[in-house]
Amino acid sequence: MLGQNKIDHTQRQVAILSQDSFYKVLTPDQKAKAQKGQYNFDHPDAFDNELIMQTLRLILQRKSVQIPVYDFVTHSRKDEFVTVYPADVVLFEGILMFYSQEIRDLFQMKLFVDTDPDTRLSRRVLRDISERGRELEQVLAQYITFVKPAFEEFCLPTKKYADVIIPRGADNLVAINLIVQHIQDILNGGLNKRHNGCTNGHSTPRQRRTSESSSRPH
């Protein structure tokens, strides 16, 4: 809806990052448990928060960042990276993005997408079976053992930190349209500020478009 999909990734004004890219590198023992569905990927400790902070700080400095590529079939990072170039708006999505105060304080706007539990479960089952080659029994066992308890303990409580709560997820077109309009306003304002030679009220040297962005990820 923001019209960014057909724009070359080096020139996009909106960049999207996922917390899933930042899963920690597992030890051999942890990987063996993961293959059996016995590793808790929904616990805050499963994520490399140090690397997330490092990445966000580089984004704030209007620098390009190298994002790891995670293989959910083998539970490991691939030997490749995706380059994300500076953008006016950075969307960083993930189930536990608000858990760490140090991380959540870096965001200018925090959105919590609230979705029905049955919808969450059905999506997970379909995704894990079709995309990740898992068996139904393993998916359900993992959900009962790790996913649901972790959601209730770690994810749901962070709802109170959200600036905006979006019920019904992707079906809530009114909320999505409002967010799209807000981002478009930011983009338009960013363009005007760039034309005036300043970003967020601070005078800055004229730079290439790909290295210009607002001073905080949205």
Protein backbone atom coordinates (compact mmCIF):
# COMPACT_ATOMS: atom_id res chain seq x y z
CA MET A 1 0.00 0.00 0.00
CA LEU A 2 3.02 2.27 0.41
CA GLY A 3 4.08 1.63 -3.18
CA GLN A 4 7.56 0.42 -2.22
CA ASN A 5 7.53 -3.12 -3.65
CA LYS A 6 8.46 -2.09 -7.20
CA ILE A 7 11.21 0.29 -6.06
CA ASP A 8 14.80 -0.98 -6.07
CA HIS A 9 15.79 -1.99 -2.53
CA THR A 10 18.65 0.50 -2.53
CA GLN A 11 16.20 3.36 -3.05
CA ARG A 12 13.24 2.39 -0.86
CA GLN A 13 12.00 4.94 1.65
CA VAL A 14 10.55 2.18 3.85
CA ALA A 15 12.62 -0.77 5.07
CA ILE A 16 11.27 -3.86 6.85
CA LEU A 17 13.25 -5.94 9.32
CA SER A 18 12.19 -9.06 11.23
CA GLN A 19 13.22 -10.19 14.69
CA ASP A 20 13.24 -13.75 13.31
CA SER A 21 16.44 -12.87 11.43
CA PHE A 22 18.21 -12.46 14.76
CA TYR A 23 17.84 -15.90 16.32
CA LYS A 24 21.01 -16.91 18.15
CA VAL A 25 23.42 -19.43 16.69
CA LEU A 26 22.58 -22.71 18.42
CA THR A 27 25.04 -25.05 20.07
CA PRO A 28 25.06 -28.66 18.76
CA ASP A 29 23.01 -29.73 21.81
CA GLN A 30 20.47 -26.94 21.27
CA LYS A 31 20.21 -27.77 17.58
CA ALA A 32 19.53 -31.41 18.39
CA LYS A 33 16.69 -30.32 20.68
CA ALA A 34 15.37 -27.97 18.01
CA GLN A 35 15.20 -30.80 15.48
CA LYS A 36 12.94 -32.67 17.92
CA GLY A 37 10.79 -29.59 18.62
CA GLN A 38 12.18 -29.35 22.14
CA TYR A 39 13.87 -25.93 21.94
CA ASN A 40 11.99 -22.81 22.99
CA PHE A 41 12.27 -20.33 20.11
CA ASP A 42 9.66 -18.09 21.74
CA HIS A 43 11.75 -17.27 24.82
CA PRO A 44 13.50 -13.86 24.94
CA ASP A 45 16.86 -15.61 25.35
CA ALA A 46 16.46 -17.23 21.92
CA PHE A 47 17.20 -13.89 20.24
CA ASP A 48 20.55 -12.15 19.77
CA ASN A 49 19.51 -8.90 21.41
CA GLU A 50 23.05 -7.57 21.33
CA LEU A 51 23.08 -7.85 17.54
CA ILE A 52 19.62 -6.27 17.36
CA MET A 53 20.85 -3.28 19.38
CA GLN A 54 23.98 -3.02 17.25
CA THR A 55 21.84 -3.06 14.09
CA LEU A 56 19.41 -0.45 15.39
CA ARG A 57 22.24 1.88 16.40
CA LEU A 58 23.67 1.68 12.88
CA ILE A 59 20.20 2.43 11.47
CA LEU A 60 19.98 5.49 13.73
CA GLN A 61 23.31 6.63 12.33
CA ARG A 62 21.83 6.35 8.82
CA LYS A 63 24.15 3.52 7.82
CA SER A 64 23.52 0.39 5.79
CA VAL A 65 23.17 -2.79 7.85
CA GLN A 66 23.85 -6.46 7.17
CA ILE A 67 20.94 -8.66 8.28
CA PRO A 68 21.52 -12.38 8.93
CA VAL A 69 19.49 -14.93 6.98
CA TYR A 70 18.03 -17.64 9.22
CA ASP A 71 17.19 -21.11 7.95
CA PHE A 72 14.16 -22.41 9.87
CA VAL A 73 14.49 -25.89 8.41
CA THR A 74 18.01 -26.47 9.75
CA HIS A 75 17.72 -24.01 12.67
CA SER A 76 20.87 -22.15 11.72
CA ARG A 77 22.13 -18.94 10.18
CA LYS A 78 23.07 -19.16 6.53
CA ASP A 79 26.44 -17.97 5.26
CA GLU A 80 24.81 -14.95 3.67
CA PHE A 81 23.39 -11.56 4.59
CA VAL A 82 20.77 -9.17 3.28
CA THR A 83 21.81 -5.53 3.02
CA VAL A 84 19.25 -3.00 4.24
CA TYR A 85 19.95 0.53 3.11
CA PRO A 86 19.05 3.70 5.04
CA ALA A 87 15.37 4.58 4.82
CA ASP A 88 13.01 7.26 6.08
CA VAL A 89 10.89 4.71 7.93
CA VAL A 90 12.05 1.38 9.35
CA LEU A 91 9.45 -1.22 10.31
CA PHE A 92 10.88 -3.81 12.71
CA GLU A 93 8.46 -6.65 13.42
CA GLY A 94 8.68 -9.48 15.91
CA ILE A 95 6.81 -11.17 18.74
CA LEU A 96 9.15 -9.88 21.45
CA MET A 97 10.32 -6.53 20.10
CA PHE A 98 8.92 -4.73 23.16
CA TYR A 99 10.29 -7.15 25.77
CA SER A 100 13.63 -5.37 26.22
CA GLN A 101 13.27 -1.79 27.43
CA GLU A 102 16.60 -0.90 25.85
CA ILE A 103 15.27 -1.97 22.45
CA ARG A 104 11.70 -0.70 22.69
CA ASP A 105 12.88 2.77 23.79
CA LEU A 106 14.51 3.20 20.37
CA PHE A 107 11.19 3.12 18.54
CA GLN A 108 9.18 6.23 17.85
CA MET A 109 5.92 4.31 17.45
CA LYS A 110 5.02 0.88 18.83
CA LEU A 111 2.19 -1.14 17.30
CA PHE A 112 0.78 -4.33 18.85
CA VAL A 113 -1.10 -6.51 16.37
CA ASP A 114 -3.69 -8.46 18.35
CA THR A 115 -4.96 -11.61 16.66
CA ASP A 116 -7.39 -14.33 17.75
CA PRO A 117 -5.59 -17.36 19.34
CA ASP A 118 -7.28 -19.81 16.95
CA THR A 119 -6.06 -17.74 14.01
CA ARG A 120 -2.52 -17.69 15.37
CA LEU A 121 -2.51 -21.46 15.86
CA SER A 122 -3.97 -22.29 12.45
CA ARG A 123 -1.47 -20.01 10.71
CA ARG A 124 1.39 -21.64 12.58
CA VAL A 125 0.26 -25.16 11.72
CA LEU A 126 -0.10 -24.35 8.01
CA ARG A 127 3.24 -22.51 7.88
CA ASP A 128 5.30 -25.10 9.77
CA ILE A 129 3.94 -28.01 7.76
CA SER A 130 4.08 -26.45 4.29
CA GLU A 131 7.18 -24.25 4.61
CA ARG A 132 9.30 -25.97 7.25
CA GLY A 133 8.55 -29.64 6.69
CA ARG A 134 7.26 -30.35 10.20
CA GLU A 135 4.79 -33.01 11.28
CA LEU A 136 1.42 -31.93 12.70
CA GLU A 137 2.00 -33.75 16.00
CA GLN A 138 5.34 -32.00 16.51
CA VAL A 139 3.87 -28.58 15.69
CA LEU A 140 1.03 -29.01 18.18
CA ALA A 141 3.32 -30.39 20.89
CA GLN A 142 5.68 -27.43 20.46
CA TYR A 143 2.76 -25.03 20.58
CA ILE A 144 1.41 -26.45 23.85
CA THR A 145 4.83 -26.82 25.47
CA PHE A 146 6.55 -23.61 24.41
CA VAL A 147 4.64 -21.25 22.15
CA LYS A 148 1.43 -20.66 24.11
CA PRO A 149 3.10 -20.39 27.56
CA ALA A 150 5.79 -18.06 26.16
CA PHE A 151 3.17 -15.87 24.51
CA GLU A 152 1.30 -15.50 27.78
CA GLU A 153 4.46 -14.89 29.85
CA PHE A 154 6.61 -12.78 27.56
CA CYS A 155 4.65 -11.41 24.60
CA LEU A 156 1.18 -10.53 25.89
CA PRO A 157 2.43 -8.44 28.84
CA THR A 158 4.32 -6.16 26.42
CA LYS A 159 0.98 -5.07 24.98
CA LYS A 160 0.92 -2.32 27.61
CA TYR A 161 3.95 -0.68 26.00
CA ALA A 162 2.19 -0.24 22.65
CA ASP A 163 1.15 3.19 21.43
CA VAL A 164 -1.47 1.61 19.19
CA ILE A 165 -3.20 -1.77 19.52
CA ILE A 166 -4.60 -3.26 16.32
CA PRO A 167 -7.32 -5.86 16.91
CA ARG A 168 -8.20 -8.45 14.24
CA GLY A 169 -4.76 -8.23 12.62
CA ALA A 170 -4.69 -7.94 8.84
CA ASP A 171 -8.50 -7.88 8.68
CA ASN A 172 -8.52 -4.46 10.35
CA LEU A 173 -8.37 -2.36 7.19
CA VAL A 174 -9.32 0.85 9.00
CA ALA A 175 -6.28 0.59 11.29
CA ILE A 176 -4.00 -0.38 8.40
CA ASN A 177 -5.17 2.60 6.33
CA LEU A 178 -4.50 4.94 9.25
CA ILE A 179 -0.98 3.57 9.67
CA VAL A 180 -0.32 3.83 5.93
CA GLN A 181 -1.46 7.45 5.99
CA HIS A 182 0.77 8.18 8.98
CA ILE A 183 3.81 6.69 7.23
CA GLN A 184 3.03 8.60 4.04
CA ASP A 185 2.89 11.81 6.08
CA ILE A 186 6.34 10.98 7.50
CA LEU A 187 7.70 10.29 4.03
CA ASN A 188 6.30 13.53 2.64
CA GLY A 189 7.65 15.49 5.60
CA GLY A 190 11.01 13.81 5.21
CA LEU A 191 11.16 14.83 1.57
CA ASN A 192 10.38 18.45 2.42
CA LYS A 193 13.05 18.48 5.13
CA ARG A 194 15.61 16.96 2.79
CA HIS A 195 14.89 19.62 0.19
CA ASN A 196 15.57 22.21 2.88
CA GLY A 197 18.87 20.54 3.73
CA CYS A 198 17.88 19.39 7.20
CA THR A 199 16.58 16.26 8.87
CA ASN A 200 14.43 16.34 12.00
CA GLY A 201 15.26 19.99 12.57
CA HIS A 202 19.04 19.47 12.53
CA SER A 203 21.09 20.86 9.69
CA THR A 204 22.85 18.08 7.77
CA PRO A 205 25.06 17.95 4.69
CA ARG A 206 23.34 17.00 1.47
CA GLN A 207 23.77 13.24 0.93
CA ARG A 208 22.75 10.59 -1.56
CA ARG A 209 19.12 9.57 -1.23
CA THR A 210 20.07 6.08 -0.11
CA SER A 211 21.95 7.43 2.91
CA GLU A 212 19.27 9.78 4.17
CA SER A 213 16.65 8.93 6.73
CA SER A 214 14.93 10.27 9.79
CA SER A 215 16.94 10.01 13.00
CA ARG A 216 14.83 7.23 14.54
CA PRO A 217 13.27 4.03 13.22
CA HIS A 218 9.47 4.21 13.21
